[in-house]
């Protein structure tokens, strides 16, 4: 039984999407931005899918915020916080970000087009990209998960 599970996990991982689809999302000012343009930028990027109503998402972004300057200095990584709030809750995004003092680039996937195209069904969901290719995906948050994420970033920043 466990061999089958390991095989299925390997098969799912091997067939996992390796690139970010070319979907257009928005900046907080409402202007459109192509994910293709973001993923063509060299280096390591963290895409963090979150929402204002998601407590684990906010906890994760708060935890990373405390060490983010060090991460950028050591690896030149950029975290892009992609809000998945819909029309009912997106008005809470700017006040939340301003109150938290997050220094991330924040984009809005208000129709969840990017989220759907990446088959993301649960948030928080983190994707690490290096030179346009997905190198790591993780769902959920627990205290200390940011340390594991940073290990992935360091490994890929070389």
N, C-alpha and C. Protein backbone atom coordinates (compact mmCIF):
# COMPACT_ATOMS: atom_id res chain seq x y z
N UNK A 1 0.82 -1.20 0.00
CA UNK A 1 0.00 0.00 0.00
C UNK A 1 0.87 1.26 0.00
N UNK A 2 1.90 1.31 0.86
CA UNK A 2 2.72 2.52 0.93
C UNK A 2 3.53 2.73 -0.34
N UNK A 3 3.89 1.68 -1.03
CA UNK A 3 4.61 1.81 -2.30
C UNK A 3 3.74 2.52 -3.33
N UNK A 4 2.46 2.18 -3.34
CA UNK A 4 1.52 2.83 -4.26
C UNK A 4 1.41 4.31 -3.95
N UNK A 5 1.33 4.66 -2.68
CA UNK A 5 1.23 6.07 -2.29
C UNK A 5 2.49 6.83 -2.70
N UNK A 6 3.65 6.26 -2.45
CA UNK A 6 4.91 6.90 -2.84
C UNK A 6 4.96 7.07 -4.36
N UNK A 7 4.55 6.05 -5.09
CA UNK A 7 4.54 6.12 -6.55
C UNK A 7 3.61 7.23 -7.03
N UNK A 8 2.41 7.29 -6.44
CA UNK A 8 1.46 8.32 -6.84
C UNK A 8 1.98 9.72 -6.52
N UNK A 9 2.60 9.88 -5.36
CA UNK A 9 3.16 11.18 -5.01
C UNK A 9 4.26 11.57 -5.98
N UNK A 10 5.11 10.64 -6.35
CA UNK A 10 6.17 10.91 -7.31
C UNK A 10 5.57 11.27 -8.66
N UNK A 11 4.56 10.54 -9.08
CA UNK A 11 3.92 10.79 -10.37
C UNK A 11 3.27 12.16 -10.39
N UNK A 12 2.58 12.51 -9.31
CA UNK A 12 1.94 13.82 -9.24
C UNK A 12 3.00 14.91 -9.28
N UNK A 13 4.07 14.75 -8.51
CA UNK A 13 5.14 15.75 -8.48
C UNK A 13 5.81 15.85 -9.85
N UNK A 14 6.05 14.73 -10.49
CA UNK A 14 6.72 14.73 -11.78
C UNK A 14 5.87 15.42 -12.85
N UNK A 15 4.56 15.33 -12.71
CA UNK A 15 3.67 15.93 -13.70
C UNK A 15 3.20 17.32 -13.29
N UNK A 16 3.68 17.81 -12.18
CA UNK A 16 3.26 19.12 -11.69
C UNK A 16 3.67 20.20 -12.69
N UNK A 17 2.89 21.24 -12.73
CA UNK A 17 3.14 22.35 -13.62
C UNK A 17 4.50 22.97 -13.30
N UNK A 18 5.28 23.26 -14.32
CA UNK A 18 6.63 23.77 -14.12
C UNK A 18 6.76 25.26 -14.43
N UNK A 19 5.76 25.85 -15.05
CA UNK A 19 5.83 27.26 -15.41
C UNK A 19 4.57 27.98 -14.96
N UNK A 20 4.71 29.27 -14.72
CA UNK A 20 3.57 30.10 -14.39
C UNK A 20 2.85 30.44 -15.69
N UNK A 21 1.54 30.24 -15.75
CA UNK A 21 0.80 30.55 -16.98
C UNK A 21 0.77 32.06 -17.23
N UNK A 22 0.62 32.44 -18.48
CA UNK A 22 0.58 33.85 -18.84
C UNK A 22 -0.82 34.40 -18.60
N UNK A 23 -1.09 34.75 -17.36
CA UNK A 23 -2.37 35.30 -16.95
C UNK A 23 -2.14 36.76 -16.56
N UNK A 24 -3.10 37.61 -16.85
CA UNK A 24 -2.99 39.01 -16.47
C UNK A 24 -3.72 39.22 -15.16
N UNK A 25 -3.03 39.85 -14.20
CA UNK A 25 -3.64 40.22 -12.94
C UNK A 25 -3.44 41.72 -12.76
N UNK A 26 -3.77 42.26 -11.59
CA UNK A 26 -3.73 43.71 -11.43
C UNK A 26 -2.83 44.14 -10.28
N UNK A 27 -2.27 45.35 -10.44
CA UNK A 27 -1.63 46.04 -9.33
C UNK A 27 -2.74 46.59 -8.46
N UNK A 28 -2.39 47.06 -7.28
CA UNK A 28 -3.42 47.63 -6.40
C UNK A 28 -4.06 48.89 -6.96
N UNK A 29 -3.36 49.55 -7.88
CA UNK A 29 -3.96 50.74 -8.50
C UNK A 29 -4.90 50.39 -9.65
N UNK A 30 -5.03 49.08 -9.93
CA UNK A 30 -5.97 48.62 -10.96
C UNK A 30 -5.36 48.39 -12.32
N UNK A 31 -4.08 48.74 -12.50
CA UNK A 31 -3.47 48.52 -13.81
C UNK A 31 -3.08 47.05 -13.98
N UNK A 32 -3.20 46.58 -15.20
CA UNK A 32 -2.95 45.17 -15.52
C UNK A 32 -1.45 44.89 -15.58
N UNK A 33 -1.10 43.70 -15.15
CA UNK A 33 0.29 43.25 -15.23
C UNK A 33 0.30 41.78 -15.64
N UNK A 34 1.18 41.44 -16.54
CA UNK A 34 1.29 40.09 -17.06
C UNK A 34 2.19 39.25 -16.17
N UNK A 35 1.73 38.08 -15.80
CA UNK A 35 2.57 37.17 -15.03
C UNK A 35 3.78 36.75 -15.85
N UNK A 36 3.66 36.73 -17.16
CA UNK A 36 4.78 36.41 -18.04
C UNK A 36 5.91 37.41 -17.82
N UNK A 37 5.56 38.68 -17.70
CA UNK A 37 6.58 39.71 -17.48
C UNK A 37 7.28 39.49 -16.14
N UNK A 38 6.53 39.15 -15.11
CA UNK A 38 7.11 38.92 -13.78
C UNK A 38 8.03 37.70 -13.81
N UNK A 39 7.58 36.64 -14.44
CA UNK A 39 8.38 35.41 -14.42
C UNK A 39 9.59 35.48 -15.34
N UNK A 40 9.62 36.41 -16.26
CA UNK A 40 10.80 36.57 -17.11
C UNK A 40 11.93 37.29 -16.38
N UNK A 41 11.62 37.94 -15.27
CA UNK A 41 12.66 38.60 -14.49
C UNK A 41 13.57 37.53 -13.90
N UNK A 42 14.86 37.76 -13.97
CA UNK A 42 15.84 36.79 -13.44
C UNK A 42 15.80 36.75 -11.92
N UNK A 43 16.22 35.63 -11.38
CA UNK A 43 16.32 35.49 -9.95
C UNK A 43 15.21 34.67 -9.35
N UNK A 44 15.17 34.66 -8.01
CA UNK A 44 14.20 33.86 -7.27
C UNK A 44 13.06 34.76 -6.81
N UNK A 45 11.84 34.30 -7.06
CA UNK A 45 10.64 35.00 -6.65
C UNK A 45 9.79 34.05 -5.82
N UNK A 46 9.16 34.59 -4.79
CA UNK A 46 8.18 33.84 -4.01
C UNK A 46 6.83 34.44 -4.33
N UNK A 47 5.91 33.60 -4.80
CA UNK A 47 4.53 34.02 -4.99
C UNK A 47 3.74 33.48 -3.80
N UNK A 48 3.17 34.38 -3.02
CA UNK A 48 2.40 33.97 -1.85
C UNK A 48 0.95 34.32 -2.09
N UNK A 49 0.12 33.30 -2.28
CA UNK A 49 -1.31 33.50 -2.50
C UNK A 49 -1.99 33.60 -1.14
N UNK A 50 -2.76 34.67 -0.92
CA UNK A 50 -3.35 34.95 0.38
C UNK A 50 -4.67 35.70 0.20
N UNK A 51 -5.36 35.92 1.30
CA UNK A 51 -6.58 36.73 1.31
C UNK A 51 -6.70 37.40 2.67
N UNK A 52 -7.42 38.51 2.72
CA UNK A 52 -7.55 39.26 3.96
C UNK A 52 -8.28 38.47 5.05
N UNK A 53 -9.12 37.55 4.66
CA UNK A 53 -9.91 36.76 5.62
C UNK A 53 -9.18 35.49 6.07
N UNK A 54 -7.99 35.23 5.54
CA UNK A 54 -7.24 33.99 5.82
C UNK A 54 -6.20 34.25 6.91
N UNK A 55 -6.52 33.85 8.13
CA UNK A 55 -5.61 34.08 9.27
C UNK A 55 -4.25 33.40 9.07
N UNK A 56 -4.18 32.12 8.64
CA UNK A 56 -2.85 31.53 8.41
C UNK A 56 -2.03 32.28 7.35
N UNK A 57 -2.71 32.82 6.35
CA UNK A 57 -2.02 33.61 5.31
C UNK A 57 -1.36 34.83 5.92
N UNK A 58 -2.11 35.54 6.74
CA UNK A 58 -1.60 36.76 7.37
C UNK A 58 -0.48 36.41 8.34
N UNK A 59 -0.64 35.33 9.08
CA UNK A 59 0.43 34.89 10.00
C UNK A 59 1.72 34.61 9.24
N UNK A 60 1.59 33.93 8.09
CA UNK A 60 2.77 33.62 7.28
C UNK A 60 3.44 34.88 6.76
N UNK A 61 2.66 35.79 6.20
CA UNK A 61 3.23 37.03 5.67
C UNK A 61 3.82 37.90 6.78
N UNK A 62 3.21 37.88 7.97
CA UNK A 62 3.79 38.59 9.12
C UNK A 62 5.14 37.99 9.51
N UNK A 63 5.21 36.66 9.57
CA UNK A 63 6.45 35.98 9.97
C UNK A 63 7.56 36.27 8.97
N UNK A 64 7.25 36.22 7.70
CA UNK A 64 8.26 36.50 6.67
C UNK A 64 8.67 37.97 6.72
N UNK A 65 7.71 38.85 6.99
CA UNK A 65 8.00 40.28 7.04
C UNK A 65 9.10 40.61 8.05
N UNK A 66 9.14 39.86 9.14
CA UNK A 66 10.14 40.10 10.19
C UNK A 66 11.56 39.81 9.73
N UNK A 67 11.72 38.93 8.75
CA UNK A 67 13.06 38.54 8.27
C UNK A 67 13.29 38.88 6.80
N UNK A 68 12.32 39.52 6.18
CA UNK A 68 12.36 39.75 4.73
C UNK A 68 13.56 40.59 4.30
N UNK A 69 13.90 41.61 5.05
CA UNK A 69 15.07 42.44 4.68
C UNK A 69 16.34 41.60 4.64
N UNK A 70 16.50 40.72 5.63
CA UNK A 70 17.67 39.83 5.64
C UNK A 70 17.65 38.90 4.43
N UNK A 71 16.47 38.35 4.12
CA UNK A 71 16.35 37.46 2.97
C UNK A 71 16.78 38.17 1.69
N UNK A 72 16.29 39.41 1.51
CA UNK A 72 16.62 40.16 0.30
C UNK A 72 18.12 40.46 0.24
N UNK A 73 18.71 40.84 1.38
CA UNK A 73 20.15 41.13 1.41
C UNK A 73 20.99 39.91 1.07
N UNK A 74 20.58 38.75 1.58
CA UNK A 74 21.38 37.53 1.40
C UNK A 74 21.13 36.82 0.07
N UNK A 75 19.93 36.94 -0.49
CA UNK A 75 19.60 36.14 -1.67
C UNK A 75 19.02 36.95 -2.83
N UNK A 76 18.69 38.21 -2.61
CA UNK A 76 18.06 39.05 -3.63
C UNK A 76 16.69 38.51 -4.05
N UNK A 77 16.03 37.77 -3.16
CA UNK A 77 14.71 37.23 -3.45
C UNK A 77 13.66 38.35 -3.40
N UNK A 78 12.58 38.16 -4.16
CA UNK A 78 11.44 39.08 -4.07
C UNK A 78 10.20 38.27 -3.74
N UNK A 79 9.46 38.72 -2.75
CA UNK A 79 8.18 38.10 -2.44
C UNK A 79 7.08 38.95 -3.05
N UNK A 80 6.20 38.28 -3.78
CA UNK A 80 5.05 38.94 -4.39
C UNK A 80 3.81 38.34 -3.73
N UNK A 81 3.10 39.17 -2.98
CA UNK A 81 1.90 38.73 -2.29
C UNK A 81 0.71 38.90 -3.24
N UNK A 82 0.10 37.78 -3.61
CA UNK A 82 -1.00 37.81 -4.57
C UNK A 82 -2.31 37.60 -3.81
N UNK A 83 -3.04 38.70 -3.67
CA UNK A 83 -4.31 38.67 -2.94
C UNK A 83 -5.38 38.03 -3.82
N UNK A 84 -6.11 37.09 -3.23
CA UNK A 84 -7.16 36.39 -3.97
C UNK A 84 -8.55 36.84 -3.53
N UNK A 85 -8.61 37.98 -2.84
CA UNK A 85 -9.89 38.52 -2.39
C UNK A 85 -10.79 38.82 -3.57
N UNK A 86 -12.09 38.61 -3.37
CA UNK A 86 -13.05 38.90 -4.43
C UNK A 86 -13.62 40.30 -4.21
N UNK A 87 -14.64 40.66 -4.97
CA UNK A 87 -15.21 42.00 -4.92
C UNK A 87 -15.72 42.37 -3.52
N UNK A 88 -16.16 41.39 -2.76
CA UNK A 88 -16.70 41.67 -1.42
C UNK A 88 -15.62 42.07 -0.42
N UNK A 89 -14.41 41.53 -0.56
CA UNK A 89 -13.39 41.76 0.46
C UNK A 89 -12.16 42.51 -0.03
N UNK A 90 -12.06 42.79 -1.33
CA UNK A 90 -10.83 43.41 -1.83
C UNK A 90 -10.61 44.83 -1.30
N UNK A 91 -11.67 45.49 -0.84
CA UNK A 91 -11.51 46.83 -0.28
C UNK A 91 -10.72 46.80 1.04
N UNK A 92 -10.54 45.63 1.64
CA UNK A 92 -9.79 45.49 2.89
C UNK A 92 -8.29 45.35 2.67
N UNK A 93 -7.86 45.12 1.42
CA UNK A 93 -6.45 44.81 1.15
C UNK A 93 -5.53 45.97 1.51
N UNK A 94 -5.76 47.17 0.93
CA UNK A 94 -4.87 48.31 1.18
C UNK A 94 -4.78 48.66 2.66
N UNK A 95 -5.92 48.77 3.37
CA UNK A 95 -5.81 49.08 4.81
C UNK A 95 -5.02 48.02 5.58
N UNK A 96 -5.19 46.76 5.23
CA UNK A 96 -4.46 45.69 5.92
C UNK A 96 -2.96 45.81 5.67
N UNK A 97 -2.59 46.00 4.42
CA UNK A 97 -1.17 46.13 4.07
C UNK A 97 -0.55 47.34 4.75
N UNK A 98 -1.25 48.46 4.72
CA UNK A 98 -0.74 49.68 5.36
C UNK A 98 -0.59 49.48 6.87
N UNK A 99 -1.54 48.80 7.48
CA UNK A 99 -1.49 48.55 8.91
C UNK A 99 -0.36 47.60 9.29
N UNK A 100 -0.08 46.64 8.44
CA UNK A 100 0.97 45.66 8.71
C UNK A 100 2.36 46.19 8.38
N UNK A 101 2.42 47.13 7.46
CA UNK A 101 3.73 47.66 7.04
C UNK A 101 4.51 46.69 6.16
N UNK A 102 3.80 45.80 5.49
CA UNK A 102 4.48 44.84 4.61
C UNK A 102 5.14 45.58 3.47
N UNK A 103 6.35 45.14 3.11
CA UNK A 103 7.09 45.78 2.03
C UNK A 103 7.13 44.89 0.78
N UNK A 104 6.11 44.10 0.62
CA UNK A 104 6.02 43.20 -0.53
C UNK A 104 5.36 43.92 -1.70
N UNK A 105 5.66 43.43 -2.91
CA UNK A 105 4.86 43.85 -4.06
C UNK A 105 3.54 43.09 -3.92
N UNK A 106 2.42 43.79 -3.96
CA UNK A 106 1.12 43.16 -3.80
C UNK A 106 0.35 43.28 -5.10
N UNK A 107 -0.13 42.13 -5.57
CA UNK A 107 -0.94 42.07 -6.78
C UNK A 107 -2.29 41.47 -6.43
N UNK A 108 -3.27 41.70 -7.30
CA UNK A 108 -4.64 41.26 -7.03
C UNK A 108 -5.11 40.30 -8.12
N UNK A 109 -5.46 39.11 -7.71
CA UNK A 109 -6.04 38.09 -8.60
C UNK A 109 -7.53 38.01 -8.28
N UNK A 110 -8.25 39.13 -8.53
CA UNK A 110 -9.61 39.24 -8.04
C UNK A 110 -10.61 38.30 -8.71
N UNK A 111 -10.31 37.81 -9.88
CA UNK A 111 -11.18 36.81 -10.51
C UNK A 111 -10.66 35.39 -10.29
N UNK A 112 -9.57 35.27 -9.56
CA UNK A 112 -8.90 34.00 -9.28
C UNK A 112 -8.49 33.25 -10.55
N UNK A 113 -8.25 34.00 -11.62
CA UNK A 113 -7.81 33.37 -12.87
C UNK A 113 -6.45 32.70 -12.71
N UNK A 114 -5.51 33.39 -12.08
CA UNK A 114 -4.18 32.81 -11.87
C UNK A 114 -4.27 31.63 -10.91
N UNK A 115 -5.01 31.82 -9.85
CA UNK A 115 -5.18 30.76 -8.86
C UNK A 115 -5.75 29.49 -9.51
N UNK A 116 -6.77 29.64 -10.33
CA UNK A 116 -7.37 28.48 -11.02
C UNK A 116 -6.39 27.86 -12.01
N UNK A 117 -5.68 28.69 -12.75
CA UNK A 117 -4.77 28.16 -13.77
C UNK A 117 -3.60 27.38 -13.16
N UNK A 118 -3.30 27.67 -11.89
CA UNK A 118 -2.26 26.94 -11.17
C UNK A 118 -2.82 25.81 -10.32
N UNK A 119 -4.13 25.60 -10.42
CA UNK A 119 -4.81 24.54 -9.67
C UNK A 119 -4.61 24.71 -8.16
N UNK A 120 -4.70 25.95 -7.69
CA UNK A 120 -4.58 26.24 -6.27
C UNK A 120 -5.99 26.22 -5.68
N UNK A 121 -6.21 25.30 -4.75
CA UNK A 121 -7.53 25.17 -4.14
C UNK A 121 -7.55 25.60 -2.68
N UNK A 122 -6.38 25.76 -2.08
CA UNK A 122 -6.26 26.11 -0.67
C UNK A 122 -5.21 27.19 -0.51
N UNK A 123 -5.50 28.15 0.35
CA UNK A 123 -4.51 29.16 0.70
C UNK A 123 -4.27 29.09 2.20
N UNK A 124 -3.12 29.49 2.67
CA UNK A 124 -2.00 30.06 1.93
C UNK A 124 -1.33 29.02 1.03
N UNK A 125 -0.86 29.50 -0.08
CA UNK A 125 -0.16 28.66 -1.05
C UNK A 125 1.05 29.46 -1.53
N UNK A 126 2.22 28.85 -1.41
CA UNK A 126 3.47 29.52 -1.79
C UNK A 126 4.09 28.78 -2.96
N UNK A 127 4.53 29.54 -3.94
CA UNK A 127 5.26 29.00 -5.08
C UNK A 127 6.58 29.74 -5.18
N UNK A 128 7.68 28.99 -5.31
CA UNK A 128 8.99 29.60 -5.52
C UNK A 128 9.35 29.42 -6.99
N UNK A 129 9.76 30.51 -7.62
CA UNK A 129 10.12 30.52 -9.03
C UNK A 129 11.58 30.94 -9.16
N UNK A 130 12.29 30.22 -9.99
CA UNK A 130 13.66 30.64 -10.34
C UNK A 130 13.74 30.72 -11.85
N UNK A 131 14.11 31.88 -12.34
CA UNK A 131 14.27 32.12 -13.78
C UNK A 131 13.05 31.62 -14.56
N UNK A 132 11.86 31.91 -14.04
CA UNK A 132 10.63 31.60 -14.75
C UNK A 132 10.09 30.20 -14.54
N UNK A 133 10.80 29.35 -13.83
CA UNK A 133 10.37 27.96 -13.62
C UNK A 133 9.97 27.74 -12.16
N UNK A 134 8.90 26.98 -11.94
CA UNK A 134 8.47 26.64 -10.59
C UNK A 134 9.42 25.60 -10.03
N UNK A 135 10.02 25.91 -8.87
CA UNK A 135 10.96 24.97 -8.25
C UNK A 135 10.43 24.42 -6.92
N UNK A 136 9.34 25.04 -6.40
CA UNK A 136 8.81 24.59 -5.11
C UNK A 136 7.39 25.10 -4.94
N UNK A 137 6.55 24.26 -4.33
CA UNK A 137 5.17 24.64 -3.99
C UNK A 137 4.87 24.13 -2.60
N UNK A 138 4.11 24.93 -1.85
CA UNK A 138 3.72 24.52 -0.51
C UNK A 138 2.37 25.13 -0.15
N UNK A 139 1.53 24.35 0.49
CA UNK A 139 0.23 24.82 0.94
C UNK A 139 0.17 24.77 2.45
N UNK A 140 -0.48 25.77 3.04
CA UNK A 140 -0.67 25.81 4.48
C UNK A 140 0.45 26.57 5.16
N UNK A 141 0.25 26.84 6.45
CA UNK A 141 1.27 27.52 7.22
C UNK A 141 1.25 27.02 8.66
N UNK A 142 2.44 26.85 9.22
CA UNK A 142 2.62 26.58 10.63
C UNK A 142 3.84 27.40 11.07
N UNK A 143 3.89 27.81 12.34
CA UNK A 143 5.04 28.60 12.79
C UNK A 143 6.35 27.86 12.51
N UNK A 144 7.27 28.56 11.89
CA UNK A 144 8.55 27.97 11.50
C UNK A 144 8.61 27.56 10.04
N UNK A 145 7.48 27.51 9.35
CA UNK A 145 7.48 27.14 7.93
C UNK A 145 8.28 28.13 7.10
N UNK A 146 8.38 29.37 7.57
CA UNK A 146 9.16 30.37 6.84
C UNK A 146 10.63 29.99 6.79
N UNK A 147 11.11 29.26 7.80
CA UNK A 147 12.51 28.82 7.79
C UNK A 147 12.75 27.78 6.71
N UNK A 148 11.81 26.87 6.54
CA UNK A 148 11.91 25.88 5.46
C UNK A 148 11.85 26.58 4.10
N UNK A 149 10.98 27.57 3.99
CA UNK A 149 10.87 28.32 2.74
C UNK A 149 12.19 29.02 2.42
N UNK A 150 12.81 29.60 3.44
CA UNK A 150 14.08 30.28 3.21
C UNK A 150 15.17 29.31 2.79
N UNK A 151 15.15 28.10 3.33
CA UNK A 151 16.12 27.08 2.89
C UNK A 151 15.98 26.82 1.39
N UNK A 152 14.75 26.76 0.90
CA UNK A 152 14.50 26.55 -0.53
C UNK A 152 15.02 27.76 -1.32
N UNK A 153 14.75 28.95 -0.82
CA UNK A 153 15.21 30.16 -1.50
C UNK A 153 16.73 30.18 -1.57
N UNK A 154 17.42 29.91 -0.45
CA UNK A 154 18.88 29.91 -0.44
C UNK A 154 19.44 28.90 -1.43
N UNK A 155 18.86 27.71 -1.46
CA UNK A 155 19.33 26.65 -2.36
C UNK A 155 19.21 27.09 -3.81
N UNK A 156 18.17 27.82 -4.15
CA UNK A 156 17.93 28.23 -5.53
C UNK A 156 18.56 29.56 -5.89
N UNK A 157 19.03 30.30 -4.91
CA UNK A 157 19.63 31.61 -5.18
C UNK A 157 21.07 31.48 -5.65
N UNK A 158 21.63 30.28 -5.55
CA UNK A 158 23.03 30.08 -5.92
C UNK A 158 23.22 30.08 -7.41
